[in-house]
Amino acid sequence: MRFYRYFGVAVVALAILLVGGVYAMPSQPTYVTVTNTIIQAPPTTSEDSVVKVEREDEGHGSGVHLGDGLIITAAHVTKGAGKVAIKSASGESGAATVLWANTDYDIALLRTDLKIAGASKLDCRTAVLGEQVQSSGNPSQLEFVSSFGRIAGGARELKPWKTVLITDVTMVMGQSGGPLFEADGRVIGINVGVMPITSKVGEDDKGNDIFATSITGYGTAVPSSAVCLLLAKESAQ
């Protein structure tokens, strides 16, 4: 009989625990907030190294100051000139001497006595597909602006250039010679061209197709690995 008495007490206690447990459950659902942390690349700290390269009555391009008055730009921006005008991001203007220009790679080196606040470092490597990049320069009538994107195609020979990277960055005439920055602010390429898109827009009165060409398109940039090789080669001569 004692066993049954203890057994009954245990059953009652279990029932109380179960009922208590039921009442302890919240009457409303519990929501848990999950926060996703998006890790973004640090902003580039080298924009003040960008310069505007000008030739009187012959348009303009861009360039990047590497320090000690040395500026990298595109060879076609200099157009065979011995001297060009430059403008810094702070608004000061001066002259620069063209030390050399390599038309196969479309890269030129300038030297100036103008004091330029910023200087960027070359990362002597070849960027790969998918890397985030920032292009800075002077597109069309704008000065010292940046556009952002990714490497859309690996390094390749693409006439008239010996080797270029393909980017999906918005690229406009005037940005040639400007830097292509990686996430930490180092230069991984020099912008040299735009691959515009041509599309049919109609026909003339003789039935001939009329085409229009966009002013923007995929960008091309000489990889910094090639720029570093050119600097080493030219300095050795």
C-alpha atoms as a PDB file:
ATOM      1  CA  MET A   1       0.000   0.000   0.000  1.00  0.00           C
ATOM      2  CA  ARG A   2       2.869   2.361   0.779  1.00  0.00           C
ATOM      3  CA  PHE A   3       4.197   1.834  -2.744  1.00  0.00           C
ATOM      4  CA  TYR A   4       0.894   2.841  -4.303  1.00  0.00           C
ATOM      5  CA  ARG A   5       0.725   5.888  -2.015  1.00  0.00           C
ATOM      6  CA  TYR A   6       4.172   7.031  -3.128  1.00  0.00           C
ATOM      7  CA  PHE A   7       3.312   6.286  -6.718  1.00  0.00           C
ATOM      8  CA  GLY A   8       0.174   8.432  -6.473  1.00  0.00           C
ATOM      9  CA  VAL A   9       2.111  11.318  -4.992  1.00  0.00           C
ATOM     10  CA  ALA A  10       4.636  11.085  -7.846  1.00  0.00           C
ATOM     11  CA  VAL A  11       1.868  11.135 -10.464  1.00  0.00           C
ATOM     12  CA  VAL A  12       0.280  14.214  -8.888  1.00  0.00           C
ATOM     13  CA  ALA A  13       3.659  15.999  -8.734  1.00  0.00           C
ATOM     14  CA  LEU A  14       4.331  15.180 -12.373  1.00  0.00           C
ATOM     15  CA  ALA A  15       0.927  16.521 -13.351  1.00  0.00           C
ATOM     16  CA  ILE A  16       1.611  19.769 -11.494  1.00  0.00           C
ATOM     17  CA  LEU A  17       4.951  20.140 -13.290  1.00  0.00           C
ATOM     18  CA  LEU A  18       3.356  19.512 -16.664  1.00  0.00           C
ATOM     19  CA  VAL A  19       0.513  21.951 -16.048  1.00  0.00           C
ATOM     20  CA  GLY A  20       2.950  24.500 -14.673  1.00  0.00           C
ATOM     21  CA  GLY A  21       5.119  24.005 -17.725  1.00  0.00           C
ATOM     22  CA  VAL A  22       2.183  24.635 -20.021  1.00  0.00           C
ATOM     23  CA  TYR A  23       1.291  27.843 -18.242  1.00  0.00           C
ATOM     24  CA  ALA A  24       4.923  28.886 -18.268  1.00  0.00           C
ATOM     25  CA  MET A  25       4.992  28.837 -22.073  1.00  0.00           C
ATOM     26  CA  PRO A  26       4.459  32.311 -23.580  1.00  0.00           C
ATOM     27  CA  SER A  27       1.053  32.924 -25.122  1.00  0.00           C
ATOM     28  CA  GLN A  28       2.705  34.938 -27.953  1.00  0.00           C
ATOM     29  CA  PRO A  29       5.474  33.730 -30.253  1.00  0.00           C
ATOM     30  CA  THR A  30       8.982  34.895 -29.450  1.00  0.00           C
ATOM     31  CA  TYR A  31      10.851  36.672 -32.206  1.00  0.00           C
ATOM     32  CA  VAL A  32      14.618  36.667 -32.532  1.00  0.00           C
ATOM     33  CA  THR A  33      16.313  39.442 -34.444  1.00  0.00           C
ATOM     34  CA  VAL A  34      19.188  38.271 -36.614  1.00  0.00           C
ATOM     35  CA  THR A  35      21.550  41.003 -37.762  1.00  0.00           C
ATOM     36  CA  ASN A  36      23.666  40.459 -40.860  1.00  0.00           C
ATOM     37  CA  THR A  37      26.997  42.247 -40.794  1.00  0.00           C
ATOM     38  CA  ILE A  38      28.052  43.480 -44.223  1.00  0.00           C
ATOM     39  CA  ILE A  39      31.794  43.918 -44.422  1.00  0.00           C
ATOM     40  CA  GLN A  40      32.686  46.706 -46.815  1.00  0.00           C
ATOM     41  CA  ALA A  41      36.086  47.601 -48.148  1.00  0.00           C
ATOM     42  CA  PRO A  42      37.636  50.658 -46.535  1.00  0.00           C
ATOM     43  CA  PRO A  43      37.333  53.847 -48.599  1.00  0.00           C
ATOM     44  CA  THR A  44      40.273  54.755 -50.749  1.00  0.00           C
ATOM     45  CA  THR A  45      42.566  57.305 -49.140  1.00  0.00           C
ATOM     46  CA  SER A  46      44.465  58.178 -52.308  1.00  0.00           C
ATOM     47  CA  GLU A  47      42.024  60.337 -54.305  1.00  0.00           C
ATOM     48  CA  ASP A  48      44.151  63.427 -53.710  1.00  0.00           C
ATOM     49  CA  SER A  49      46.902  61.779 -55.765  1.00  0.00           C
ATOM     50  CA  VAL A  50      44.766  62.064 -58.922  1.00  0.00           C
ATOM     51  CA  VAL A  51      45.641  64.828 -61.392  1.00  0.00           C
ATOM     52  CA  LYS A  52      44.149  66.258 -64.550  1.00  0.00           C
ATOM     53  CA  VAL A  53      46.456  66.219 -67.587  1.00  0.00           C
ATOM     54  CA  GLU A  54      45.750  68.864 -70.221  1.00  0.00           C
ATOM     55  CA  ARG A  55      47.009  69.787 -73.668  1.00  0.00           C
ATOM     56  CA  GLU A  56      46.005  73.135 -75.054  1.00  0.00           C
ATOM     57  CA  ASP A  57      43.071  72.799 -77.476  1.00  0.00           C
ATOM     58  CA  GLU A  58      43.530  69.027 -77.567  1.00  0.00           C
ATOM     59  CA  GLY A  59      41.361  67.750 -74.771  1.00  0.00           C
ATOM     60  CA  HIS A  60      42.447  66.301 -71.456  1.00  0.00           C
ATOM     61  CA  GLY A  61      43.068  63.096 -69.572  1.00  0.00           C
ATOM     62  CA  SER A  62      43.954  61.979 -66.068  1.00  0.00           C
ATOM     63  CA  GLY A  63      46.964  60.746 -64.154  1.00  0.00           C
ATOM     64  CA  VAL A  64      48.093  59.546 -60.736  1.00  0.00           C
ATOM     65  CA  HIS A  65      50.961  60.875 -58.625  1.00  0.00           C
ATOM     66  CA  LEU A  66      53.311  58.191 -57.290  1.00  0.00           C
ATOM     67  CA  GLY A  67      55.410  60.559 -55.189  1.00  0.00           C
ATOM     68  CA  ASP A  68      58.515  62.723 -55.777  1.00  0.00           C
ATOM     69  CA  GLY A  69      56.733  64.536 -58.605  1.00  0.00           C
ATOM     70  CA  LEU A  70      56.356  61.391 -60.743  1.00  0.00           C
ATOM     71  CA  ILE A  71      52.997  60.927 -62.476  1.00  0.00           C
ATOM     72  CA  ILE A  72      51.743  57.951 -64.471  1.00  0.00           C
ATOM     73  CA  THR A  73      49.257  58.589 -67.279  1.00  0.00           C
ATOM     74  CA  ALA A  74      48.260  57.082 -70.628  1.00  0.00           C
ATOM     75  CA  ALA A  75      50.651  57.623 -73.533  1.00  0.00           C
ATOM     76  CA  HIS A  76      47.839  58.742 -75.849  1.00  0.00           C
ATOM     77  CA  VAL A  77      47.007  61.540 -73.384  1.00  0.00           C
ATOM     78  CA  THR A  78      50.432  63.099 -73.960  1.00  0.00           C
ATOM     79  CA  LYS A  79      50.124  62.672 -77.759  1.00  0.00           C
ATOM     80  CA  GLY A  80      53.863  62.841 -78.317  1.00  0.00           C
ATOM     81  CA  ALA A  81      54.274  66.140 -76.472  1.00  0.00           C
ATOM     82  CA  GLY A  82      57.379  66.987 -74.471  1.00  0.00           C
ATOM     83  CA  LYS A  83      55.426  68.954 -71.883  1.00  0.00           C
ATOM     84  CA  VAL A  84      51.831  68.983 -70.644  1.00  0.00           C
ATOM     85  CA  ALA A  85      49.825  71.001 -68.129  1.00  0.00           C
ATOM     86  CA  ILE A  86      48.540  69.363 -64.962  1.00  0.00           C
ATOM     87  CA  LYS A  87      46.021  70.307 -62.316  1.00  0.00           C
ATOM     88  CA  SER A  88      45.910  68.851 -58.812  1.00  0.00           C
ATOM     89  CA  ALA A  89      42.798  67.880 -56.874  1.00  0.00           C
ATOM     90  CA  SER A  90      43.363  70.942 -54.671  1.00  0.00           C
ATOM     91  CA  GLY A  91      43.027  73.200 -57.733  1.00  0.00           C
ATOM     92  CA  GLU A  92      46.658  74.168 -58.271  1.00  0.00           C
ATOM     93  CA  SER A  93      48.085  74.109 -61.802  1.00  0.00           C
ATOM     94  CA  GLY A  94      51.564  73.603 -63.185  1.00  0.00           C
ATOM     95  CA  ALA A  95      53.612  71.987 -65.920  1.00  0.00           C
ATOM     96  CA  ALA A  96      54.989  68.479 -66.287  1.00  0.00           C
ATOM     97  CA  THR A  97      57.715  67.037 -68.477  1.00  0.00           C
ATOM     98  CA  VAL A  98      57.100  63.792 -70.352  1.00  0.00           C
ATOM     99  CA  LEU A  99      60.015  61.525 -69.374  1.00  0.00           C
ATOM    100  CA  TRP A 100      58.960  58.660 -71.609  1.00  0.00           C
ATOM    101  CA  ALA A 101      55.922  57.198 -73.353  1.00  0.00           C
ATOM    102  CA  ASN A 102      55.395  53.590 -74.378  1.00  0.00           C
ATOM    103  CA  THR A 103      52.745  53.368 -77.103  1.00  0.00           C
ATOM    104  CA  ASP A 104      52.611  49.545 -77.098  1.00  0.00           C
ATOM    105  CA  TYR A 105      51.297  49.568 -73.532  1.00  0.00           C
ATOM    106  CA  ASP A 106      49.866  53.109 -73.722  1.00  0.00           C
ATOM    107  CA  ILE A 107      51.700  54.250 -70.588  1.00  0.00           C
ATOM    108  CA  ALA A 108      53.699  57.451 -70.011  1.00  0.00           C
ATOM    109  CA  LEU A 109      55.684  58.874 -67.101  1.00  0.00           C
ATOM    110  CA  LEU A 110      55.682  62.581 -66.236  1.00  0.00           C
ATOM    111  CA  ARG A 111      57.674  64.662 -63.783  1.00  0.00           C
ATOM    112  CA  THR A 112      56.471  67.875 -62.177  1.00  0.00           C
ATOM    113  CA  ASP A 113      57.689  70.401 -59.628  1.00  0.00           C
ATOM    114  CA  LEU A 114      54.104  71.105 -58.596  1.00  0.00           C
ATOM    115  CA  LYS A 115      53.468  70.109 -54.994  1.00  0.00           C
ATOM    116  CA  ILE A 116      50.791  67.407 -55.001  1.00  0.00           C
ATOM    117  CA  ALA A 117      49.334  66.523 -51.607  1.00  0.00           C
ATOM    118  CA  GLY A 118      48.661  62.849 -52.175  1.00  0.00           C
ATOM    119  CA  ALA A 119      50.685  59.947 -53.531  1.00  0.00           C
ATOM    120  CA  SER A 120      49.527  56.441 -54.346  1.00  0.00           C
ATOM    121  CA  LYS A 121      51.443  53.180 -54.339  1.00  0.00           C
ATOM    122  CA  LEU A 122      51.522  50.718 -57.204  1.00  0.00           C
ATOM    123  CA  ASP A 123      50.565  47.170 -56.300  1.00  0.00           C
ATOM    124  CA  CYS A 124      52.732  45.284 -58.805  1.00  0.00           C
ATOM    125  CA  ARG A 125      50.325  42.466 -59.568  1.00  0.00           C
ATOM    126  CA  THR A 126      47.606  41.517 -62.044  1.00  0.00           C
ATOM    127  CA  ALA A 127      44.077  41.845 -60.688  1.00  0.00           C
ATOM    128  CA  VAL A 128      41.704  38.920 -61.170  1.00  0.00           C
ATOM    129  CA  LEU A 129      38.094  38.532 -62.246  1.00  0.00           C
ATOM    130  CA  GLY A 130      35.567  39.817 -59.726  1.00  0.00           C
ATOM    131  CA  GLU A 131      37.787  42.149 -57.700  1.00  0.00           C
ATOM    132  CA  GLN A 132      36.154  45.385 -56.540  1.00  0.00           C
ATOM    133  CA  VAL A 133      37.753  48.484 -58.043  1.00  0.00           C
ATOM    134  CA  GLN A 134      37.451  52.265 -58.047  1.00  0.00           C
ATOM    135  CA  SER A 135      38.265  54.382 -61.080  1.00  0.00           C
ATOM    136  CA  SER A 136      39.172  58.026 -60.458  1.00  0.00           C
ATOM    137  CA  GLY A 137      39.725  60.759 -62.996  1.00  0.00           C
ATOM    138  CA  ASN A 138      38.213  63.568 -65.021  1.00  0.00           C
ATOM    139  CA  PRO A 139      35.437  62.258 -67.275  1.00  0.00           C
ATOM    140  CA  SER A 140      34.142  64.697 -69.894  1.00  0.00           C
ATOM    141  CA  GLN A 141      33.311  68.028 -68.194  1.00  0.00           C
ATOM    142  CA  LEU A 142      33.625  66.651 -64.653  1.00  0.00           C
ATOM    143  CA  GLU A 143      36.763  66.863 -62.550  1.00  0.00           C
ATOM    144  CA  PHE A 144      38.061  64.527 -59.857  1.00  0.00           C
ATOM    145  CA  VAL A 145      35.218  62.047 -59.566  1.00  0.00           C
ATOM    146  CA  SER A 146      35.150  58.292 -59.037  1.00  0.00           C
ATOM    147  CA  SER A 147      33.100  55.380 -60.314  1.00  0.00           C
ATOM    148  CA  PHE A 148      32.983  51.888 -58.874  1.00  0.00           C
ATOM    149  CA  GLY A 149      32.712  48.348 -60.191  1.00  0.00           C
ATOM    150  CA  ARG A 150      34.613  45.101 -60.648  1.00  0.00           C
ATOM    151  CA  ILE A 151      37.169  43.442 -62.852  1.00  0.00           C
ATOM    152  CA  ALA A 152      34.987  41.984 -65.598  1.00  0.00           C
ATOM    153  CA  GLY A 153      37.701  40.191 -67.555  1.00  0.00           C
ATOM    154  CA  GLY A 154      41.251  39.061 -66.887  1.00  0.00           C
ATOM    155  CA  ALA A 155      44.375  40.491 -68.518  1.00  0.00           C
ATOM    156  CA  ARG A 156      44.627  39.931 -72.280  1.00  0.00           C
ATOM    157  CA  GLU A 157      46.064  41.417 -75.437  1.00  0.00           C
ATOM    158  CA  LEU A 158      43.440  43.622 -77.040  1.00  0.00           C
ATOM    159  CA  LYS A 159      44.523  45.807 -79.929  1.00  0.00           C
ATOM    160  CA  PRO A 160      45.929  48.390 -79.765  1.00  0.00           C
ATOM    161  CA  TRP A 161      47.043  47.450 -76.239  1.00  0.00           C
ATOM    162  CA  LYS A 162      49.640  44.817 -75.356  1.00  0.00           C
ATOM    163  CA  THR A 163      47.742  43.831 -72.222  1.00  0.00           C
ATOM    164  CA  VAL A 164      44.661  45.219 -70.489  1.00  0.00           C
ATOM    165  CA  LEU A 165      42.129  44.280 -67.859  1.00  0.00           C
ATOM    166  CA  ILE A 166      38.412  44.643 -68.649  1.00  0.00           C
ATOM    167  CA  THR A 167      36.252  46.467 -66.076  1.00  0.00           C
ATOM    168  CA  ASP A 168      32.525  47.106 -65.774  1.00  0.00           C
ATOM    169  CA  VAL A 169      33.244  50.523 -64.268  1.00  0.00           C
ATOM    170  CA  THR A 170      31.494  53.453 -65.933  1.00  0.00           C
ATOM    171  CA  MET A 171      34.228  54.872 -68.134  1.00  0.00           C
ATOM    172  CA  VAL A 172      34.019  58.110 -70.117  1.00  0.00           C
ATOM    173  CA  MET A 173      36.528  59.978 -72.279  1.00  0.00           C
ATOM    174  CA  GLY A 174      38.805  62.051 -70.074  1.00  0.00           C
ATOM    175  CA  GLN A 175      39.409  59.261 -67.576  1.00  0.00           C
ATOM    176  CA  SER A 176      42.284  57.842 -69.630  1.00  0.00           C
ATOM    177  CA  GLY A 177      45.500  57.786 -67.622  1.00  0.00           C
ATOM    178  CA  GLY A 178      43.686  57.822 -64.299  1.00  0.00           C
ATOM    179  CA  PRO A 179      44.193  55.162 -61.634  1.00  0.00           C
ATOM    180  CA  LEU A 180      42.219  52.014 -61.008  1.00  0.00           C
ATOM    181  CA  PHE A 181      42.307  51.554 -57.232  1.00  0.00           C
ATOM    182  CA  GLU A 182      41.856  48.335 -55.303  1.00  0.00           C
ATOM    183  CA  ALA A 183      39.979  48.322 -51.991  1.00  0.00           C
ATOM    184  CA  ASP A 184      42.917  49.461 -49.854  1.00  0.00           C
ATOM    185  CA  GLY A 185      43.808  52.421 -52.080  1.00  0.00           C
ATOM    186  CA  ARG A 186      46.752  50.977 -53.977  1.00  0.00           C
ATOM    187  CA  VAL A 187      46.839  51.276 -57.761  1.00  0.00           C
ATOM    188  CA  ILE A 188      46.227  48.050 -59.666  1.00  0.00           C
ATOM    189  CA  GLY A 189      45.773  49.542 -63.117  1.00  0.00           C
ATOM    190  CA  ILE A 190      45.870  52.624 -65.343  1.00  0.00           C
ATOM    191  CA  ASN A 191      42.728  53.373 -67.355  1.00  0.00           C
ATOM    192  CA  VAL A 192      43.455  53.607 -71.065  1.00  0.00           C
ATOM    193  CA  GLY A 193      40.219  53.206 -72.986  1.00  0.00           C
ATOM    194  CA  VAL A 194      36.496  52.681 -73.370  1.00  0.00           C
ATOM    195  CA  MET A 195      34.808  49.980 -75.399  1.00  0.00           C
ATOM    196  CA  PRO A 196      31.630  51.766 -76.572  1.00  0.00           C
ATOM    197  CA  ILE A 197      28.477  50.044 -77.716  1.00  0.00           C
ATOM    198  CA  THR A 198      27.283  50.622 -81.296  1.00  0.00           C
ATOM    199  CA  SER A 199      23.601  50.113 -82.092  1.00  0.00           C
ATOM    200  CA  LYS A 200      21.345  50.710 -85.074  1.00  0.00           C
ATOM    201  CA  VAL A 201      19.041  53.708 -84.648  1.00  0.00           C
ATOM    202  CA  GLY A 202      17.400  53.892 -88.065  1.00  0.00           C
ATOM    203  CA  GLU A 203      17.926  54.276 -91.799  1.00  0.00           C
ATOM    204  CA  ASP A 204      18.671  57.212 -94.074  1.00  0.00           C
ATOM    205  CA  ASP A 205      16.593  58.175 -97.122  1.00  0.00           C
ATOM    206  CA  LYS A 206      18.591  55.695 -99.215  1.00  0.00           C
ATOM    207  CA  GLY A 207      17.917  52.779 -96.920  1.00  0.00           C
ATOM    208  CA  ASN A 208      21.395  52.718 -95.373  1.00  0.00           C
ATOM    209  CA  ASP A 209      21.615  51.808 -91.726  1.00  0.00           C
ATOM    210  CA  ILE A 210      22.375  54.594 -89.271  1.00  0.00           C
ATOM    211  CA  PHE A 211      24.352  53.682 -86.171  1.00  0.00           C
ATOM    212  CA  ALA A 212      24.953  55.543 -82.930  1.00  0.00           C
ATOM    213  CA  THR A 213      27.855  54.918 -80.585  1.00  0.00           C
ATOM    214  CA  SER A 214      27.591  55.295 -76.836  1.00  0.00           C
ATOM    215  CA  ILE A 215      30.095  57.480 -75.007  1.00  0.00           C
ATOM    216  CA  THR A 216      30.383  54.951 -72.189  1.00  0.00           C
ATOM    217  CA  GLY A 217      31.111  51.237 -72.166  1.00  0.00           C
ATOM    218  CA  TYR A 218      33.358  48.607 -70.694  1.00  0.00           C
ATOM    219  CA  GLY A 219      36.637  50.092 -69.541  1.00  0.00           C
ATOM    220  CA  THR A 220      40.151  48.872 -70.263  1.00  0.00           C
ATOM    221  CA  ALA A 221      43.073  49.328 -67.888  1.00  0.00           C
ATOM    222  CA  VAL A 222      46.733  48.361 -68.115  1.00  0.00           C
ATOM    223  CA  PRO A 223      47.465  46.095 -65.110  1.00  0.00           C
ATOM    224  CA  SER A 224      49.901  47.543 -62.578  1.00  0.00           C
ATOM    225  CA  SER A 225      52.168  44.511 -63.039  1.00  0.00           C
ATOM    226  CA  ALA A 226      52.884  45.741 -66.577  1.00  0.00           C
ATOM    227  CA  VAL A 227      53.317  49.341 -65.360  1.00  0.00           C
ATOM    228  CA  CYS A 228      55.899  48.209 -62.788  1.00  0.00           C
ATOM    229  CA  LEU A 229      57.838  46.327 -65.467  1.00  0.00           C
ATOM    230  CA  LEU A 230      57.851  49.422 -67.686  1.00  0.00           C
ATOM    231  CA  LEU A 231      59.105  51.607 -64.826  1.00  0.00           C
ATOM    232  CA  ALA A 232      61.914  49.152 -64.110  1.00  0.00           C
ATOM    233  CA  LYS A 233      62.830  48.843 -67.785  1.00  0.00           C
ATOM    234  CA  GLU A 234      62.849  52.570 -68.491  1.00  0.00           C
ATOM    235  CA  SER A 235      64.777  53.428 -65.326  1.00  0.00           C
ATOM    236  CA  ALA A 236      67.474  50.895 -66.304  1.00  0.00           C
ATOM    237  CA  GLN A 237      68.107  52.598 -69.646  1.00  0.00           C
END
